[in-house]
Amino acid sequence: GRLTRDVELRYTPSNVAVATFNLAVNRNFKNQDG
């Protein structure tokens, strides 16, 4: 899918990297409006 915003990178107190992000994943079908 596509990233909805830039990845947010943070570090824990023990200096471990943690990235949070949102992914937009298209469904395989179209809705009633096409």
Full PDB file with SEQRES, HELIX, SHEET, SSBOND, CRYST1, ORIGX, SCALE, CONECT and MASTER records, all heavy atoms in Angstrom:
SEQRES   1 A   34  GLY ARG LEU THR ARG ASP VAL GLU LEU ARG TYR THR PRO          
SEQRES   2 A   34  SER ASN VAL ALA VAL ALA THR PHE ASN LEU ALA VAL ASN          
SEQRES   3 A   34  ARG ASN PHE LYS ASN GLN ASP GLY                              
SHEET    1 AA1 2 ARG A   2  LEU A   3  0                                        
SHEET    2 AA1 2 LEU A  23  ALA A  24 -1                                        
SHEET    1 AA2 2 GLU A   8  TYR A  11  0                                        
SHEET    2 AA2 2 ALA A  17  THR A  20 -1                                        
CRYST1    1.000    1.000    1.000  90.00  90.00  90.00 P 1           1          
ORIGX1      1.000000  0.000000  0.000000        0.00000                         
ORIGX2      0.000000  1.000000  0.000000        0.00000                         
ORIGX3      0.000000  0.000000  1.000000        0.00000                         
SCALE1      1.000000  0.000000  0.000000        0.00000                         
SCALE2      0.000000  1.000000  0.000000        0.00000                         
SCALE3      0.000000  0.000000  1.000000        0.00000                         
ATOM      1  N   GLY A   1       0.820  -1.200   0.000  1.00  0.00           N  
ATOM      2  CA  GLY A   1       0.000   0.000   0.000  1.00  0.00           C  
ATOM      3  C   GLY A   1       0.853   1.249   0.000  1.00  0.00           C  
ATOM      4  O   GLY A   1       2.088   1.190  -0.073  1.00  0.00           O  
ATOM      5  N   ARG A   2       0.183   2.388   0.103  1.00  0.00           N  
ATOM      6  CA  ARG A   2       0.875   3.680   0.084  1.00  0.00           C  
ATOM      7  C   ARG A   2       0.917   4.282   1.482  1.00  0.00           C  
ATOM      8  O   ARG A   2      -0.040   4.165   2.247  1.00  0.00           O  
ATOM      9  CB  ARG A   2       0.167   4.637  -0.870  1.00  0.00           C  
ATOM     10  CG  ARG A   2       0.244   4.158  -2.300  1.00  0.00           C  
ATOM     11  CD  ARG A   2      -0.044   5.268  -3.289  1.00  0.00           C  
ATOM     12  NE  ARG A   2       0.048   4.751  -4.657  1.00  0.00           N  
ATOM     13  CZ  ARG A   2       1.165   4.714  -5.364  1.00  0.00           C  
ATOM     14  NH1 ARG A   2       2.286   5.150  -4.846  1.00  0.00           N  
ATOM     15  NH2 ARG A   2       1.164   4.231  -6.591  1.00  0.00           N  
ATOM     16  N   LEU A   3       2.042   4.943   1.785  1.00  0.00           N  
ATOM     17  CA  LEU A   3       2.181   5.636   3.059  1.00  0.00           C  
ATOM     18  C   LEU A   3       1.267   6.856   3.066  1.00  0.00           C  
ATOM     19  O   LEU A   3       1.286   7.660   2.141  1.00  0.00           O  
ATOM     20  CB  LEU A   3       3.626   6.087   3.271  1.00  0.00           C  
ATOM     21  CG  LEU A   3       4.649   4.976   3.491  1.00  0.00           C  
ATOM     22  CD1 LEU A   3       6.054   5.553   3.459  1.00  0.00           C  
ATOM     23  CD2 LEU A   3       4.392   4.269   4.805  1.00  0.00           C  
ATOM     24  N   THR A   4       0.457   7.007   4.105  1.00  0.00           N  
ATOM     25  CA  THR A   4      -0.464   8.137   4.184  1.00  0.00           C  
ATOM     26  C   THR A   4       0.214   9.398   4.706  1.00  0.00           C  
ATOM     27  O   THR A   4      -0.326  10.492   4.577  1.00  0.00           O  
ATOM     28  CB  THR A   4      -1.660   7.811   5.091  1.00  0.00           C  
ATOM     29  OG1 THR A   4      -1.181   7.528   6.408  1.00  0.00           O  
ATOM     30  CG2 THR A   4      -2.434   6.616   4.550  1.00  0.00           C  
ATOM     31  N   ARG A   5       1.374   9.250   5.327  1.00  0.00           N  
ATOM     32  CA  ARG A   5       2.172  10.376   5.824  1.00  0.00           C  
ATOM     33  C   ARG A   5       3.602   9.892   5.992  1.00  0.00           C  
ATOM     34  O   ARG A   5       3.871   8.692   5.898  1.00  0.00           O  
ATOM     35  CB  ARG A   5       1.617  10.918   7.134  1.00  0.00           C  
ATOM     36  CG  ARG A   5       1.530   9.883   8.246  1.00  0.00           C  
ATOM     37  CD  ARG A   5       0.871  10.474   9.497  1.00  0.00           C  
ATOM     38  NE  ARG A   5       0.470   9.452  10.425  1.00  0.00           N  
ATOM     39  CZ  ARG A   5       1.269   8.901  11.339  1.00  0.00           C  
ATOM     40  NH1 ARG A   5       2.514   9.296  11.461  1.00  0.00           N  
ATOM     41  NH2 ARG A   5       0.822   7.959  12.140  1.00  0.00           N  
ATOM     42  N   ASP A   6       4.515  10.812   6.234  1.00  0.00           N  
ATOM     43  CA  ASP A   6       5.904  10.416   6.469  1.00  0.00           C  
ATOM     44  C   ASP A   6       5.992   9.540   7.714  1.00  0.00           C  
ATOM     45  O   ASP A   6       5.214   9.704   8.666  1.00  0.00           O  
ATOM     46  CB  ASP A   6       6.800  11.641   6.647  1.00  0.00           C  
ATOM     47  CG  ASP A   6       7.075  12.356   5.339  1.00  0.00           C  
ATOM     48  OD1 ASP A   6       6.861  11.751   4.266  1.00  0.00           O  
ATOM     49  OD2 ASP A   6       7.507  13.517   5.393  1.00  0.00           O  
ATOM     50  N   VAL A   7       6.945   8.637   7.713  1.00  0.00           N  
ATOM     51  CA  VAL A   7       7.160   7.723   8.833  1.00  0.00           C  
ATOM     52  C   VAL A   7       7.641   8.518  10.052  1.00  0.00           C  
ATOM     53  O   VAL A   7       8.487   9.404   9.931  1.00  0.00           O  
ATOM     54  CB  VAL A   7       8.207   6.648   8.462  1.00  0.00           C  
ATOM     55  CG1 VAL A   7       8.531   5.764   9.651  1.00  0.00           C  
ATOM     56  CG2 VAL A   7       7.701   5.821   7.288  1.00  0.00           C  
ATOM     57  N   GLU A   8       7.081   8.215  11.216  1.00  0.00           N  
ATOM     58  CA  GLU A   8       7.500   8.868  12.458  1.00  0.00           C  
ATOM     59  C   GLU A   8       8.503   7.958  13.164  1.00  0.00           C  
ATOM     60  O   GLU A   8       8.160   6.845  13.573  1.00  0.00           O  
ATOM     61  CB  GLU A   8       6.294   9.116  13.358  1.00  0.00           C  
ATOM     62  CG  GLU A   8       6.625   9.833  14.640  1.00  0.00           C  
ATOM     63  CD  GLU A   8       5.407  10.054  15.506  1.00  0.00           C  
ATOM     64  OE1 GLU A   8       4.300  10.218  14.964  1.00  0.00           O  
ATOM     65  OE2 GLU A   8       5.569  10.046  16.742  1.00  0.00           O  
ATOM     66  N   LEU A   9       9.735   8.421  13.283  1.00  0.00           N  
ATOM     67  CA  LEU A   9      10.804   7.637  13.914  1.00  0.00           C  
ATOM     68  C   LEU A   9      11.073   8.184  15.311  1.00  0.00           C  
ATOM     69  O   LEU A   9      11.312   9.381  15.483  1.00  0.00           O  
ATOM     70  CB  LEU A   9      12.071   7.697  13.071  1.00  0.00           C  
ATOM     71  CG  LEU A   9      13.267   6.904  13.586  1.00  0.00           C  
ATOM     72  CD1 LEU A   9      12.967   5.412  13.601  1.00  0.00           C  
ATOM     73  CD2 LEU A   9      14.495   7.192  12.738  1.00  0.00           C  
ATOM     74  N   ARG A  10      11.037   7.309  16.298  1.00  0.00           N  
ATOM     75  CA  ARG A  10      11.344   7.668  17.685  1.00  0.00           C  
ATOM     76  C   ARG A  10      12.285   6.621  18.256  1.00  0.00           C  
ATOM     77  O   ARG A  10      12.504   5.574  17.647  1.00  0.00           O  
ATOM     78  CB  ARG A  10      10.063   7.712  18.525  1.00  0.00           C  
ATOM     79  CG  ARG A  10       9.148   8.856  18.134  1.00  0.00           C  
ATOM     80  CD  ARG A  10       7.856   8.853  18.931  1.00  0.00           C  
ATOM     81  NE  ARG A  10       7.004   7.778  18.427  1.00  0.00           N  
ATOM     82  CZ  ARG A  10       6.369   6.894  19.174  1.00  0.00           C  
ATOM     83  NH1 ARG A  10       6.472   6.925  20.479  1.00  0.00           N  
ATOM     84  NH2 ARG A  10       5.624   5.956  18.636  1.00  0.00           N  
ATOM     85  N   TYR A  11      12.795   6.888  19.423  1.00  0.00           N  
ATOM     86  CA  TYR A  11      13.683   5.956  20.102  1.00  0.00           C  
ATOM     87  C   TYR A  11      13.181   5.726  21.520  1.00  0.00           C  
ATOM     88  O   TYR A  11      12.727   6.654  22.193  1.00  0.00           O  
ATOM     89  CB  TYR A  11      15.119   6.487  20.139  1.00  0.00           C  
ATOM     90  CG  TYR A  11      15.772   6.487  18.781  1.00  0.00           C  
ATOM     91  CD1 TYR A  11      15.635   7.572  17.921  1.00  0.00           C  
ATOM     92  CD2 TYR A  11      16.497   5.390  18.336  1.00  0.00           C  
ATOM     93  CE1 TYR A  11      16.212   7.567  16.657  1.00  0.00           C  
ATOM     94  CE2 TYR A  11      17.083   5.374  17.081  1.00  0.00           C  
ATOM     95  CZ  TYR A  11      16.927   6.470  16.250  1.00  0.00           C  
ATOM     96  OH  TYR A  11      17.493   6.458  15.001  1.00  0.00           O  
ATOM     97  N   THR A  12      13.275   4.474  21.972  1.00  0.00           N  
ATOM     98  CA  THR A  12      12.901   4.135  23.342  1.00  0.00           C  
ATOM     99  C   THR A  12      13.985   4.642  24.287  1.00  0.00           C  
ATOM    100  O   THR A  12      15.081   5.008  23.832  1.00  0.00           O  
ATOM    101  CB  THR A  12      12.755   2.610  23.509  1.00  0.00           C  
ATOM    102  OG1 THR A  12      14.033   2.001  23.326  1.00  0.00           O  
ATOM    103  CG2 THR A  12      11.732   2.040  22.532  1.00  0.00           C  
ATOM    104  N   PRO A  13      13.723   4.652  25.599  1.00  0.00           N  
ATOM    105  CA  PRO A  13      14.773   5.070  26.553  1.00  0.00           C  
ATOM    106  C   PRO A  13      16.043   4.221  26.460  1.00  0.00           C  
ATOM    107  O   PRO A  13      17.138   4.694  26.774  1.00  0.00           O  
ATOM    108  CB  PRO A  13      14.102   4.900  27.911  1.00  0.00           C  
ATOM    109  CG  PRO A  13      12.644   5.070  27.622  1.00  0.00           C  
ATOM    110  CD  PRO A  13      12.440   4.473  26.258  1.00  0.00           C  
ATOM    111  N   SER A  14      15.917   2.990  25.988  1.00  0.00           N  
ATOM    112  CA  SER A  14      17.094   2.130  25.816  1.00  0.00           C  
ATOM    113  C   SER A  14      17.685   2.246  24.412  1.00  0.00           C  
ATOM    114  O   SER A  14      18.453   1.389  23.983  1.00  0.00           O  
ATOM    115  CB  SER A  14      16.751   0.679  26.138  1.00  0.00           C  
ATOM    116  OG  SER A  14      15.699   0.234  25.319  1.00  0.00           O  
ATOM    117  N   ASN A  15      17.295   3.314  23.681  1.00  0.00           N  
ATOM    118  CA  ASN A  15      17.855   3.650  22.372  1.00  0.00           C  
ATOM    119  C   ASN A  15      17.531   2.635  21.274  1.00  0.00           C  
ATOM    120  O   ASN A  15      18.345   2.373  20.399  1.00  0.00           O  
ATOM    121  CB  ASN A  15      19.372   3.884  22.465  1.00  0.00           C  
ATOM    122  CG  ASN A  15      19.847   4.826  21.386  1.00  0.00           C  
ATOM    123  OD1 ASN A  15      19.103   5.706  20.965  1.00  0.00           O  
ATOM    124  ND2 ASN A  15      21.062   4.634  20.933  1.00  0.00           N  
ATOM    125  N   VAL A  16      16.329   2.075  21.304  1.00  0.00           N  
ATOM    126  CA  VAL A  16      15.857   1.179  20.251  1.00  0.00           C  
ATOM    127  C   VAL A  16      14.940   1.981  19.332  1.00  0.00           C  
ATOM    128  O   VAL A  16      14.003   2.642  19.798  1.00  0.00           O  
ATOM    129  CB  VAL A  16      15.103  -0.040  20.838  1.00  0.00           C  
ATOM    130  CG1 VAL A  16      14.529  -0.907  19.736  1.00  0.00           C  
ATOM    131  CG2 VAL A  16      16.019  -0.845  21.739  1.00  0.00           C  
ATOM    132  N   ALA A  17      15.199   1.943  18.025  1.00  0.00           N  
ATOM    133  CA  ALA A  17      14.401   2.689  17.057  1.00  0.00           C  
ATOM    134  C   ALA A  17      13.022   2.074  16.891  1.00  0.00           C  
ATOM    135  O   ALA A  17      12.879   0.853  16.798  1.00  0.00           O  
ATOM    136  CB  ALA A  17      15.116   2.729  15.712  1.00  0.00           C  
ATOM    137  N   VAL A  18      11.998   2.947  16.832  1.00  0.00           N  
ATOM    138  CA  VAL A  18      10.615   2.528  16.618  1.00  0.00           C  
ATOM    139  C   VAL A  18      10.000   3.451  15.574  1.00  0.00           C  
ATOM    140  O   VAL A  18       9.997   4.670  15.744  1.00  0.00           O  
ATOM    141  CB  VAL A  18       9.776   2.615  17.910  1.00  0.00           C  
ATOM    142  CG1 VAL A  18       8.356   2.138  17.662  1.00  0.00           C  
ATOM    143  CG2 VAL A  18      10.416   1.845  19.034  1.00  0.00           C  
ATOM    144  N   ALA A  19       9.497   2.882  14.493  1.00  0.00           N  
ATOM    145  CA  ALA A  19       8.846   3.660  13.446  1.00  0.00           C  
ATOM    146  C   ALA A  19       7.359   3.346  13.457  1.00  0.00           C  
ATOM    147  O   ALA A  19       6.960   2.182  13.535  1.00  0.00           O  
ATOM    148  CB  ALA A  19       9.437   3.324  12.081  1.00  0.00           C  
ATOM    149  N   THR A  20       6.539   4.380  13.387  1.00  0.00           N  
ATOM    150  CA  THR A  20       5.098   4.200  13.263  1.00  0.00           C  
ATOM    151  C   THR A  20       4.659   4.853  11.961  1.00  0.00           C  
ATOM    152  O   THR A  20       5.157   5.916  11.587  1.00  0.00           O  
ATOM    153  CB  THR A  20       4.336   4.815  14.452  1.00  0.00           C  
ATOM    154  OG1 THR A  20       4.683   6.189  14.565  1.00  0.00           O  
ATOM    155  CG2 THR A  20       4.661   4.096  15.742  1.00  0.00           C  
ATOM    156  N   PHE A  21       3.727   4.191  11.277  1.00  0.00           N  
ATOM    157  CA  PHE A  21       3.242   4.698  10.004  1.00  0.00           C  
ATOM    158  C   PHE A  21       1.881   4.089   9.689  1.00  0.00           C  
ATOM    159  O   PHE A  21       1.486   3.089  10.280  1.00  0.00           O  
ATOM    160  CB  PHE A  21       4.238   4.402   8.876  1.00  0.00           C  
ATOM    161  CG  PHE A  21       4.558   2.951   8.678  1.00  0.00           C  
ATOM    162  CD1 PHE A  21       3.934   2.212   7.688  1.00  0.00           C  
ATOM    163  CD2 PHE A  21       5.498   2.302   9.478  1.00  0.00           C  
ATOM    164  CE1 PHE A  21       4.235   0.877   7.494  1.00  0.00           C  
ATOM    165  CE2 PHE A  21       5.801   0.967   9.295  1.00  0.00           C  
ATOM    166  CZ  PHE A  21       5.168   0.249   8.300  1.00  0.00           C  
ATOM    167  N   ASN A  22       1.168   4.743   8.781  1.00  0.00           N  
ATOM    168  CA  ASN A  22      -0.123   4.249   8.317  1.00  0.00           C  
ATOM    169  C   ASN A  22       0.005   3.855   6.859  1.00  0.00           C  
ATOM    170  O   ASN A  22       0.635   4.566   6.070  1.00  0.00           O  
ATOM    171  CB  ASN A  22      -1.201   5.321   8.460  1.00  0.00           C  
ATOM    172  CG  ASN A  22      -1.528   5.602   9.898  1.00  0.00           C  
ATOM    173  OD1 ASN A  22      -1.444   4.719  10.734  1.00  0.00           O  
ATOM    174  ND2 ASN A  22      -1.894   6.827  10.191  1.00  0.00           N  
ATOM    175  N   LEU A  23      -0.620   2.749   6.515  1.00  0.00           N  
ATOM    176  CA  LEU A  23      -0.565   2.230   5.159  1.00  0.00           C  
ATOM    177  C   LEU A  23      -1.986   2.164   4.598  1.00  0.00           C  
ATOM    178  O   LEU A  23      -2.882   1.597   5.224  1.00  0.00           O  
ATOM    179  CB  LEU A  23       0.049   0.829   5.192  1.00  0.00           C  
ATOM    180  CG  LEU A  23       0.724   0.295   3.963  1.00  0.00           C  
ATOM    181  CD1 LEU A  23       1.836   1.208   3.502  1.00  0.00           C  
ATOM    182  CD2 LEU A  23       1.264  -1.092   4.232  1.00  0.00           C  
ATOM    183  N   ALA A  24      -2.197   2.792   3.434  1.00  0.00           N  
ATOM    184  CA  ALA A  24      -3.490   2.730   2.747  1.00  0.00           C  
ATOM    185  C   ALA A  24      -3.442   1.578   1.753  1.00  0.00           C  
ATOM    186  O   ALA A  24      -2.669   1.602   0.802  1.00  0.00           O  
ATOM    187  CB  ALA A  24      -3.771   4.043   2.025  1.00  0.00           C  
ATOM    188  N   VAL A  25      -4.258   0.559   1.986  1.00  0.00           N  
ATOM    189  CA  VAL A  25      -4.268  -0.647   1.161  1.00  0.00           C  
ATOM    190  C   VAL A  25      -5.598  -0.708   0.411  1.00  0.00           C  
ATOM    191  O   VAL A  25      -6.668  -0.760   1.030  1.00  0.00           O  
ATOM    192  CB  VAL A  25      -4.087  -1.909   2.036  1.00  0.00           C  
ATOM    193  CG1 VAL A  25      -4.126  -3.154   1.177  1.00  0.00           C  
ATOM    194  CG2 VAL A  25      -2.793  -1.832   2.835  1.00  0.00           C  
ATOM    195  N   ASN A  26      -5.544  -0.668  -0.927  1.00  0.00           N  
ATOM    196  CA  ASN A  26      -6.756  -0.720  -1.742  1.00  0.00           C  
ATOM    197  C   ASN A  26      -7.426  -2.074  -1.631  1.00  0.00           C  
ATOM    198  O   ASN A  26      -6.765  -3.115  -1.553  1.00  0.00           O  
ATOM    199  CB  ASN A  26      -6.442  -0.447  -3.210  1.00  0.00           C  
ATOM    200  CG  ASN A  26      -6.211   1.007  -3.491  1.00  0.00           C  
ATOM    201  OD1 ASN A  26      -6.683   1.873  -2.765  1.00  0.00           O  
ATOM    202  ND2 ASN A  26      -5.482   1.285  -4.548  1.00  0.00           N  
ATOM    203  N   ARG A  27      -8.749  -2.053  -1.653  1.00  0.00           N  
ATOM    204  CA  ARG A  27      -9.522  -3.294  -1.693  1.00  0.00           C  
ATOM    205  C   ARG A  27      -9.560  -3.801  -3.126  1.00  0.00           C  
ATOM    206  O   ARG A  27      -9.354  -3.050  -4.074  1.00  0.00           O  
ATOM    207  CB  ARG A  27     -10.933  -3.044  -1.183  1.00  0.00           C  
ATOM    208  CG  ARG A  27     -10.936  -2.679   0.293  1.00  0.00           C  
ATOM    209  CD  ARG A  27     -12.326  -2.566   0.826  1.00  0.00           C  
ATOM    210  NE  ARG A  27     -12.275  -2.271   2.253  1.00  0.00           N  
ATOM    211  CZ  ARG A  27     -13.345  -2.036   2.973  1.00  0.00           C  
ATOM    212  NH1 ARG A  27     -14.541  -2.060   2.421  1.00  0.00           N  
ATOM    213  NH2 ARG A  27     -13.223  -1.780   4.252  1.00  0.00           N  
ATOM    214  N   ASN A  28      -9.838  -5.083  -3.308  1.00  0.00           N  
ATOM    215  CA  ASN A  28      -9.827  -5.710  -4.630  1.00  0.00           C  
ATOM    216  C   ASN A  28     -11.078  -5.420  -5.447  1.00  0.00           C  
ATOM    217  O   ASN A  28     -11.159  -5.805  -6.608  1.00  0.00           O  
ATOM    218  CB  ASN A  28      -9.662  -7.224  -4.502  1.00  0.00           C  
ATOM    219  CG  ASN A  28      -8.282  -7.602  -4.025  1.00  0.00           C  
ATOM    220  OD1 ASN A  28      -7.331  -6.865  -4.215  1.00  0.00           O  
ATOM    221  ND2 ASN A  28      -8.180  -8.761  -3.396  1.00  0.00           N  
ATOM    222  N   PHE A  29     -12.067  -4.781  -4.866  1.00  0.00           N  
ATOM    223  CA  PHE A  29     -13.333  -4.560  -5.560  1.00  0.00           C  
ATOM    224  C   PHE A  29     -13.739  -3.096  -5.425  1.00  0.00           C  
ATOM    225  O   PHE A  29     -13.194  -2.358  -4.620  1.00  0.00           O  
ATOM    226  CB  PHE A  29     -14.421  -5.467  -4.986  1.00  0.00           C  
ATOM    227  CG  PHE A  29     -14.564  -5.332  -3.493  1.00  0.00           C  
ATOM    228  CD1 PHE A  29     -15.415  -4.379  -2.950  1.00  0.00           C  
ATOM    229  CD2 PHE A  29     -13.849  -6.150  -2.641  1.00  0.00           C  
ATOM    230  CE1 PHE A  29     -15.535  -4.251  -1.573  1.00  0.00           C  
ATOM    231  CE2 PHE A  29     -13.967  -6.022  -1.258  1.00  0.00           C  
ATOM    232  CZ  PHE A  29     -14.820  -5.069  -0.721  1.00  0.00           C  
ATOM    233  N   LYS A  30     -14.717  -2.686  -6.224  1.00  0.00           N  
ATOM    234  CA  LYS A  30     -15.224  -1.316  -6.183  1.00  0.00           C  
ATOM    235  C   LYS A  30     -16.554  -1.293  -5.441  1.00  0.00           C  
ATOM    236  O   LYS A  30     -17.293  -2.290  -5.421  1.00  0.00           O  
ATOM    237  CB  LYS A  30     -15.390  -0.777  -7.596  1.00  0.00           C  
ATOM    238  CG  LYS A  30     -14.067  -0.661  -8.332  1.00  0.00           C  
ATOM    239  CD  LYS A  30     -14.251  -0.141  -9.725  1.00  0.00           C  
ATOM    240  CE  LYS A  30     -12.899  -0.055 -10.424  1.00  0.00           C  
ATOM    241  NZ  LYS A  30     -13.026   0.415 -11.809  1.00  0.00           N  
ATOM    242  N   ASN A  31     -16.894  -0.137  -4.857  1.00  0.00           N  
ATOM    243  CA  ASN A  31     -18.157  -0.014  -4.134  1.00  0.00           C  
ATOM    244  C   ASN A  31     -19.310   0.212  -5.120  1.00  0.00           C  
ATOM    245  O   ASN A  31     -19.116   0.177  -6.336  1.00  0.00           O  
ATOM    246  CB  ASN A  31     -18.080   1.096  -3.079  1.00  0.00           C  
ATOM    247  CG  ASN A  31     -17.861   2.468  -3.678  1.00  0.00           C  
ATOM    248  OD1 ASN A  31     -18.017   2.692  -4.870  1.00  0.00           O  
ATOM    249  ND2 ASN A  31     -17.478   3.414  -2.833  1.00  0.00           N  
ATOM    250  N   GLN A  32     -20.500   0.473  -4.608  1.00  0.00           N  
ATOM    251  CA  GLN A  32     -21.674   0.630  -5.465  1.00  0.00           C  
ATOM    252  C   GLN A  32     -21.567   1.833  -6.400  1.00  0.00           C  
ATOM    253  O   GLN A  32     -22.199   1.861  -7.452  1.00  0.00           O  
ATOM    254  CB  GLN A  32     -22.934   0.766  -4.607  1.00  0.00           C  
ATOM    255  CG  GLN A  32     -23.284  -0.507  -3.866  1.00  0.00           C  
ATOM    256  CD  GLN A  32     -24.486  -0.334  -2.972  1.00  0.00           C  
ATOM    257  OE1 GLN A  32     -24.913   0.773  -2.699  1.00  0.00           O  
ATOM    258  NE2 GLN A  32     -25.031  -1.457  -2.500  1.00  0.00           N  
ATOM    259  N   ASP A  33     -20.775   2.829  -6.035  1.00  0.00           N  
ATOM    260  CA  ASP A  33     -20.575   4.016  -6.860  1.00  0.00           C  
ATOM    261  C   ASP A  33     -19.474   3.825  -7.892  1.00  0.00           C  
ATOM    262  O   ASP A  33     -19.143   4.746  -8.632  1.00  0.00           O  
ATOM    263  CB  ASP A  33     -20.246   5.223  -5.989  1.00  0.00           C  
ATOM    264  CG  ASP A  33     -21.359   5.551  -5.003  1.00  0.00           C  
ATOM    265  OD1 ASP A  33     -22.537   5.343  -5.366  1.00  0.00           O  
ATOM    266  OD2 ASP A  33     -21.047   6.011  -3.892  1.00  0.00           O  
ATOM    267  N   GLY A  34     -18.854   2.649  -7.914  1.00  0.00           N  
ATOM    268  CA  GLY A  34     -17.792   2.361  -8.865  1.00  0.00           C  
ATOM    269  C   GLY A  34     -16.429   2.875  -8.438  1.00  0.00           C  
ATOM    270  O   GLY A  34     -15.504   2.911  -9.243  1.00  0.00           O  
TER     271      GLY A  34                                                      
MASTER        0    0    0    0    4    0    0    6  270    1    0    3          
END                                                                             
